[in-house]
Amino acid sequence: MVRWAPLKAAYVRSQPLGGPDGDLATRAVAAPALLANLLADRLAAGELAIRAYGP
Protein backbone atom coordinates (compact mmCIF):
# COMPACT_ATOMS: atom_id res chain seq x y z
CA MET A 1 0.00 0.00 0.00
CA VAL A 2 2.92 2.34 0.58
CA ARG A 3 3.80 2.38 -3.13
CA TRP A 4 0.21 3.10 -4.08
CA ALA A 5 0.14 6.56 -2.46
CA PRO A 6 2.73 8.20 -4.78
CA LEU A 7 1.12 6.64 -7.85
CA LYS A 8 -2.31 7.86 -6.82
CA ALA A 9 -0.98 11.35 -6.06
CA ALA A 10 0.68 11.58 -9.48
CA TYR A 11 -2.53 10.46 -11.20
CA VAL A 12 -4.64 12.98 -9.28
CA ARG A 13 -2.15 15.76 -10.11
CA SER A 14 -2.29 14.96 -13.82
CA GLN A 15 -6.09 14.99 -14.05
CA PRO A 16 -6.63 18.78 -13.82
CA LEU A 17 -4.26 19.14 -16.77
CA GLY A 18 -6.54 17.02 -18.92
CA GLY A 19 -4.04 14.25 -19.58
CA PRO A 20 -1.89 14.07 -22.70
CA ASP A 21 -4.82 14.78 -25.05
CA GLY A 22 -6.24 17.66 -23.01
CA ASP A 23 -7.21 21.01 -24.48
CA LEU A 24 -4.26 23.40 -24.43
CA ALA A 25 -6.30 26.29 -22.97
CA THR A 26 -7.56 24.06 -20.14
CA ARG A 27 -4.03 22.92 -19.42
CA ALA A 28 -2.74 26.52 -19.42
CA VAL A 29 -5.39 27.62 -16.92
CA ALA A 30 -5.02 24.56 -14.67
CA ALA A 31 -1.22 24.58 -14.50
CA PRO A 32 -0.77 27.61 -12.18
CA ALA A 33 -3.37 26.28 -9.75
CA LEU A 34 -1.69 22.89 -9.78
CA LEU A 35 1.69 24.48 -9.09
CA ALA A 36 0.24 26.56 -6.27
CA ASN A 37 -1.20 23.44 -4.64
CA LEU A 38 2.09 21.59 -5.04
CA LEU A 39 4.00 24.50 -3.49
CA ALA A 40 1.56 24.66 -0.58
CA ASP A 41 2.03 20.92 0.03
CA ARG A 42 5.82 21.28 -0.01
CA LEU A 43 5.74 24.25 2.35
CA ALA A 44 3.48 22.37 4.75
CA ALA A 45 5.84 19.38 4.68
CA GLY A 46 8.80 21.68 5.35
CA GLU A 47 6.99 23.30 8.24
CA LEU A 48 6.24 19.91 9.77
CA ALA A 49 9.88 18.89 9.40
CA ILE A 50 11.09 22.08 11.05
CA ARG A 51 8.65 21.65 13.94
CA ALA A 52 9.69 17.99 14.37
CA TYR A 53 13.39 18.87 14.71
CA GLY A 54 13.06 22.32 16.24
CA PRO A 55 13.12 23.21 19.94
PDB file of N, CA and C in Angstrom:
ATOM      1  N   MET A   1       0.814  -1.201   0.000  1.00  0.00           N
ATOM      2  CA  MET A   1       0.000   0.000   0.000  1.00  0.00           C
ATOM      3  C   MET A   1       0.856   1.264   0.000  1.00  0.00           C
ATOM      4  N   VAL A   2       2.068   1.159   0.499  1.00  0.00           N
ATOM      5  CA  VAL A   2       2.916   2.342   0.576  1.00  0.00           C
ATOM      6  C   VAL A   2       3.251   2.851  -0.817  1.00  0.00           C
ATOM      7  N   ARG A   3       3.465   1.954  -1.770  1.00  0.00           N
ATOM      8  CA  ARG A   3       3.804   2.377  -3.131  1.00  0.00           C
ATOM      9  C   ARG A   3       2.607   2.969  -3.853  1.00  0.00           C
ATOM     10  N   TRP A   4       1.413   2.626  -3.423  1.00  0.00           N
ATOM     11  CA  TRP A   4       0.210   3.100  -4.078  1.00  0.00           C
ATOM     12  C   TRP A   4       0.017   4.604  -3.901  1.00  0.00           C
ATOM     13  N   ALA A   5       0.377   5.142  -2.753  1.00  0.00           N
ATOM     14  CA  ALA A   5       0.142   6.563  -2.462  1.00  0.00           C
ATOM     15  C   ALA A   5       0.826   7.488  -3.467  1.00  0.00           C
ATOM     16  N   PRO A   6       2.118   7.306  -3.786  1.00  0.00           N
ATOM     17  CA  PRO A   6       2.731   8.198  -4.777  1.00  0.00           C
ATOM     18  C   PRO A   6       2.117   8.056  -6.173  1.00  0.00           C
ATOM     19  N   LEU A   7       1.743   6.836  -6.544  1.00  0.00           N
ATOM     20  CA  LEU A   7       1.119   6.638  -7.854  1.00  0.00           C
ATOM     21  C   LEU A   7      -0.233   7.339  -7.922  1.00  0.00           C
ATOM     22  N   LYS A   8      -1.001   7.209  -6.868  1.00  0.00           N
ATOM     23  CA  LYS A   8      -2.315   7.855  -6.816  1.00  0.00           C
ATOM     24  C   LYS A   8      -2.161   9.375  -6.839  1.00  0.00           C
ATOM     25  N   ALA A   9      -1.196   9.899  -6.094  1.00  0.00           N
ATOM     26  CA  ALA A   9      -0.978  11.349  -6.061  1.00  0.00           C
ATOM     27  C   ALA A   9      -0.583  11.874  -7.437  1.00  0.00           C
ATOM     28  N   ALA A  10       0.273  11.149  -8.145  1.00  0.00           N
ATOM     29  CA  ALA A  10       0.682  11.576  -9.484  1.00  0.00           C
ATOM     30  C   ALA A  10      -0.506  11.562 -10.444  1.00  0.00           C
ATOM     31  N   TYR A  11      -1.342  10.550 -10.334  1.00  0.00           N
ATOM     32  CA  TYR A  11      -2.528  10.465 -11.197  1.00  0.00           C
ATOM     33  C   TYR A  11      -3.475  11.626 -10.915  1.00  0.00           C
ATOM     34  N   VAL A  12      -3.730  11.898  -9.651  1.00  0.00           N
ATOM     35  CA  VAL A  12      -4.639  12.982  -9.279  1.00  0.00           C
ATOM     36  C   VAL A  12      -4.086  14.325  -9.748  1.00  0.00           C
ATOM     37  N   ARG A  13      -2.761  14.510  -9.640  1.00  0.00           N
ATOM     38  CA  ARG A  13      -2.152  15.762 -10.106  1.00  0.00           C
ATOM     39  C   ARG A  13      -2.298  15.931 -11.608  1.00  0.00           C
ATOM     40  N   SER A  14      -2.236  14.849 -12.363  1.00  0.00           N
ATOM     41  CA  SER A  14      -2.292  14.956 -13.818  1.00  0.00           C
ATOM     42  C   SER A  14      -3.705  15.206 -14.330  1.00  0.00           C
ATOM     43  N   GLN A  15      -4.720  14.870 -13.575  1.00  0.00           N
ATOM     44  CA  GLN A  15      -6.088  14.993 -14.049  1.00  0.00           C
ATOM     45  C   GLN A  15      -6.525  16.426 -14.330  1.00  0.00           C
ATOM     46  N   PRO A  16      -6.208  17.412 -13.493  1.00  0.00           N
ATOM     47  CA  PRO A  16      -6.629  18.776 -13.820  1.00  0.00           C
ATOM     48  C   PRO A  16      -6.018  19.292 -15.126  1.00  0.00           C
ATOM     49  N   LEU A  17      -4.899  18.704 -15.535  1.00  0.00           N
ATOM     50  CA  LEU A  17      -4.264  19.143 -16.769  1.00  0.00           C
ATOM     51  C   LEU A  17      -4.897  18.503 -17.993  1.00  0.00           C
ATOM     52  N   GLY A  18      -5.825  17.604 -17.797  1.00  0.00           N
ATOM     53  CA  GLY A  18      -6.539  17.024 -18.922  1.00  0.00           C
ATOM     54  C   GLY A  18      -5.833  15.850 -19.563  1.00  0.00           C
ATOM     55  N   GLY A  19      -4.765  15.377 -18.995  1.00  0.00           N
ATOM     56  CA  GLY A  19      -4.044  14.252 -19.580  1.00  0.00           C
ATOM     57  C   GLY A  19      -3.290  14.665 -20.831  1.00  0.00           C
ATOM     58  N   PRO A  20      -2.710  13.727 -21.537  1.00  0.00           N
ATOM     59  CA  PRO A  20      -1.890  14.066 -22.704  1.00  0.00           C
ATOM     60  C   PRO A  20      -2.692  14.626 -23.880  1.00  0.00           C
ATOM     61  N   ASP A  21      -3.986  14.302 -23.942  1.00  0.00           N
ATOM     62  CA  ASP A  21      -4.815  14.782 -25.048  1.00  0.00           C
ATOM     63  C   ASP A  21      -5.687  15.969 -24.654  1.00  0.00           C
ATOM     64  N   GLY A  22      -5.411  16.570 -23.517  1.00  0.00           N
ATOM     65  CA  GLY A  22      -6.236  17.659 -23.015  1.00  0.00           C
ATOM     66  C   GLY A  22      -6.130  18.925 -23.857  1.00  0.00           C
ATOM     67  N   ASP A  23      -7.163  19.741 -23.781  1.00  0.00           N
ATOM     68  CA  ASP A  23      -7.211  21.014 -24.477  1.00  0.00           C
ATOM     69  C   ASP A  23      -6.103  21.920 -23.940  1.00  0.00           C
ATOM     70  N   LEU A  24      -5.388  22.570 -24.823  1.00  0.00           N
ATOM     71  CA  LEU A  24      -4.260  23.403 -24.432  1.00  0.00           C
ATOM     72  C   LEU A  24      -4.694  24.557 -23.529  1.00  0.00           C
ATOM     73  N   ALA A  25      -5.834  25.174 -23.808  1.00  0.00           N
ATOM     74  CA  ALA A  25      -6.305  26.285 -22.975  1.00  0.00           C
ATOM     75  C   ALA A  25      -6.631  25.796 -21.557  1.00  0.00           C
ATOM     76  N   THR A  26      -7.244  24.633 -21.451  1.00  0.00           N
ATOM     77  CA  THR A  26      -7.558  24.065 -20.142  1.00  0.00           C
ATOM     78  C   THR A  26      -6.281  23.778 -19.371  1.00  0.00           C
ATOM     79  N   ARG A  27      -5.304  23.230 -20.059  1.00  0.00           N
ATOM     80  CA  ARG A  27      -4.026  22.921 -19.415  1.00  0.00           C
ATOM     81  C   ARG A  27      -3.325  24.198 -18.958  1.00  0.00           C
ATOM     82  N   ALA A  28      -3.395  25.261 -19.767  1.00  0.00           N
ATOM     83  CA  ALA A  28      -2.739  26.519 -19.416  1.00  0.00           C
ATOM     84  C   ALA A  28      -3.373  27.162 -18.192  1.00  0.00           C
ATOM     85  N   VAL A  29      -4.689  27.037 -18.065  1.00  0.00           N
ATOM     86  CA  VAL A  29      -5.386  27.620 -16.923  1.00  0.00           C
ATOM     87  C   VAL A  29      -5.179  26.776 -15.673  1.00  0.00           C
ATOM     88  N   ALA A  30      -5.143  25.461 -15.819  1.00  0.00           N
ATOM     89  CA  ALA A  30      -5.021  24.563 -14.672  1.00  0.00           C
ATOM     90  C   ALA A  30      -3.601  24.503 -14.113  1.00  0.00           C
ATOM     91  N   ALA A  31      -2.607  24.731 -14.939  1.00  0.00           N
ATOM     92  CA  ALA A  31      -1.215  24.577 -14.505  1.00  0.00           C
ATOM     93  C   ALA A  31      -0.832  25.480 -13.327  1.00  0.00           C
ATOM     94  N   PRO A  32      -1.139  26.784 -13.336  1.00  0.00           N
ATOM     95  CA  PRO A  32      -0.767  27.609 -12.182  1.00  0.00           C
ATOM     96  C   PRO A  32      -1.435  27.169 -10.884  1.00  0.00           C
ATOM     97  N   ALA A  33      -2.688  26.757 -10.951  1.00  0.00           N
ATOM     98  CA  ALA A  33      -3.371  26.282  -9.745  1.00  0.00           C
ATOM     99  C   ALA A  33      -2.721  25.004  -9.243  1.00  0.00           C
ATOM    100  N   LEU A  34      -2.352  24.127 -10.149  1.00  0.00           N
ATOM    101  CA  LEU A  34      -1.694  22.887  -9.775  1.00  0.00           C
ATOM    102  C   LEU A  34      -0.341  23.174  -9.114  1.00  0.00           C
ATOM    103  N   LEU A  35       0.402  24.102  -9.677  1.00  0.00           N
ATOM    104  CA  LEU A  35       1.693  24.476  -9.089  1.00  0.00           C
ATOM    105  C   LEU A  35       1.523  25.125  -7.718  1.00  0.00           C
ATOM    106  N   ALA A  36       0.493  25.930  -7.571  1.00  0.00           N
ATOM    107  CA  ALA A  36       0.239  26.560  -6.271  1.00  0.00           C
ATOM    108  C   ALA A  36      -0.082  25.507  -5.219  1.00  0.00           C
ATOM    109  N   ASN A  37      -0.876  24.514  -5.572  1.00  0.00           N
ATOM    110  CA  ASN A  37      -1.198  23.438  -4.639  1.00  0.00           C
ATOM    111  C   ASN A  37       0.042  22.623  -4.288  1.00  0.00           C
ATOM    112  N   LEU A  38       0.864  22.343  -5.288  1.00  0.00           N
ATOM    113  CA  LEU A  38       2.094  21.589  -5.044  1.00  0.00           C
ATOM    114  C   LEU A  38       3.025  22.366  -4.118  1.00  0.00           C
ATOM    115  N   LEU A  39       3.152  23.660  -4.346  1.00  0.00           N
ATOM    116  CA  LEU A  39       3.996  24.497  -3.495  1.00  0.00           C
ATOM    117  C   LEU A  39       3.457  24.538  -2.068  1.00  0.00           C
ATOM    118  N   ALA A  40       2.155  24.644  -1.919  1.00  0.00           N
ATOM    119  CA  ALA A  40       1.555  24.659  -0.583  1.00  0.00           C
ATOM    120  C   ALA A  40       1.819  23.347   0.145  1.00  0.00           C
ATOM    121  N   ASP A  41       1.738  22.230  -0.574  1.00  0.00           N
ATOM    122  CA  ASP A  41       2.031  20.925   0.031  1.00  0.00           C
ATOM    123  C   ASP A  41       3.481  20.844   0.476  1.00  0.00           C
ATOM    124  N   ARG A  42       4.387  21.326  -0.353  1.00  0.00           N
ATOM    125  CA  ARG A  42       5.818  21.280  -0.013  1.00  0.00           C
ATOM    126  C   ARG A  42       6.134  22.175   1.184  1.00  0.00           C
ATOM    127  N   LEU A  43       5.520  23.347   1.225  1.00  0.00           N
ATOM    128  CA  LEU A  43       5.736  24.248   2.348  1.00  0.00           C
ATOM    129  C   LEU A  43       5.205  23.649   3.646  1.00  0.00           C
ATOM    130  N   ALA A  44       4.050  23.009   3.559  1.00  0.00           N
ATOM    131  CA  ALA A  44       3.479  22.367   4.749  1.00  0.00           C
ATOM    132  C   ALA A  44       4.394  21.241   5.232  1.00  0.00           C
ATOM    133  N   ALA A  45       4.933  20.461   4.305  1.00  0.00           N
ATOM    134  CA  ALA A  45       5.844  19.379   4.684  1.00  0.00           C
ATOM    135  C   ALA A  45       7.114  19.946   5.319  1.00  0.00           C
ATOM    136  N   GLY A  46       7.617  21.036   4.773  1.00  0.00           N
ATOM    137  CA  GLY A  46       8.801  21.675   5.349  1.00  0.00           C
ATOM    138  C   GLY A  46       8.531  22.213   6.743  1.00  0.00           C
ATOM    139  N   GLU A  47       7.358  22.784   6.929  1.00  0.00           N
ATOM    140  CA  GLU A  47       6.988  23.303   8.235  1.00  0.00           C
ATOM    141  C   GLU A  47       6.904  22.173   9.263  1.00  0.00           C
ATOM    142  N   LEU A  48       6.324  21.055   8.874  1.00  0.00           N
ATOM    143  CA  LEU A  48       6.238  19.906   9.767  1.00  0.00           C
ATOM    144  C   LEU A  48       7.631  19.382  10.133  1.00  0.00           C
ATOM    145  N   ALA A  49       8.521  19.357   9.148  1.00  0.00           N
ATOM    146  CA  ALA A  49       9.880  18.888   9.401  1.00  0.00           C
ATOM    147  C   ALA A  49      10.614  19.819  10.356  1.00  0.00           C
ATOM    148  N   ILE A  50      10.433  21.108  10.169  1.00  0.00           N
ATOM    149  CA  ILE A  50      11.092  22.075  11.050  1.00  0.00           C
ATOM    150  C   ILE A  50      10.550  21.945  12.464  1.00  0.00           C
ATOM    151  N   ARG A  51       9.244  21.796  12.596  1.00  0.00           N
ATOM    152  CA  ARG A  51       8.654  21.652  13.937  1.00  0.00           C
ATOM    153  C   ARG A  51       9.087  20.352  14.601  1.00  0.00           C
ATOM    154  N   ALA A  52       9.290  19.301  13.810  1.00  0.00           N
ATOM    155  CA  ALA A  52       9.687  17.994  14.370  1.00  0.00           C
ATOM    156  C   ALA A  52      11.118  18.051  14.929  1.00  0.00           C
ATOM    157  N   TYR A  53      11.978  18.825  14.289  1.00  0.00           N
ATOM    158  CA  TYR A  53      13.387  18.875  14.708  1.00  0.00           C
ATOM    159  C   TYR A  53      13.742  20.140  15.473  1.00  0.00           C
ATOM    160  N   GLY A  54      12.801  21.069  15.553  1.00  0.00           N
ATOM    161  CA  GLY A  54      13.062  22.324  16.245  1.00  0.00           C
ATOM    162  C   GLY A  54      12.902  22.180  17.757  1.00  0.00           C
ATOM    163  N   PRO A  55      13.243  23.245  18.476  1.00  0.00           N
ATOM    164  CA  PRO A  55      13.121  23.214  19.944  1.00  0.00           C
ATOM    165  C   PRO A  55      11.687  23.165  20.428  1.00  0.00           C
TER     166      PRO A  55
END
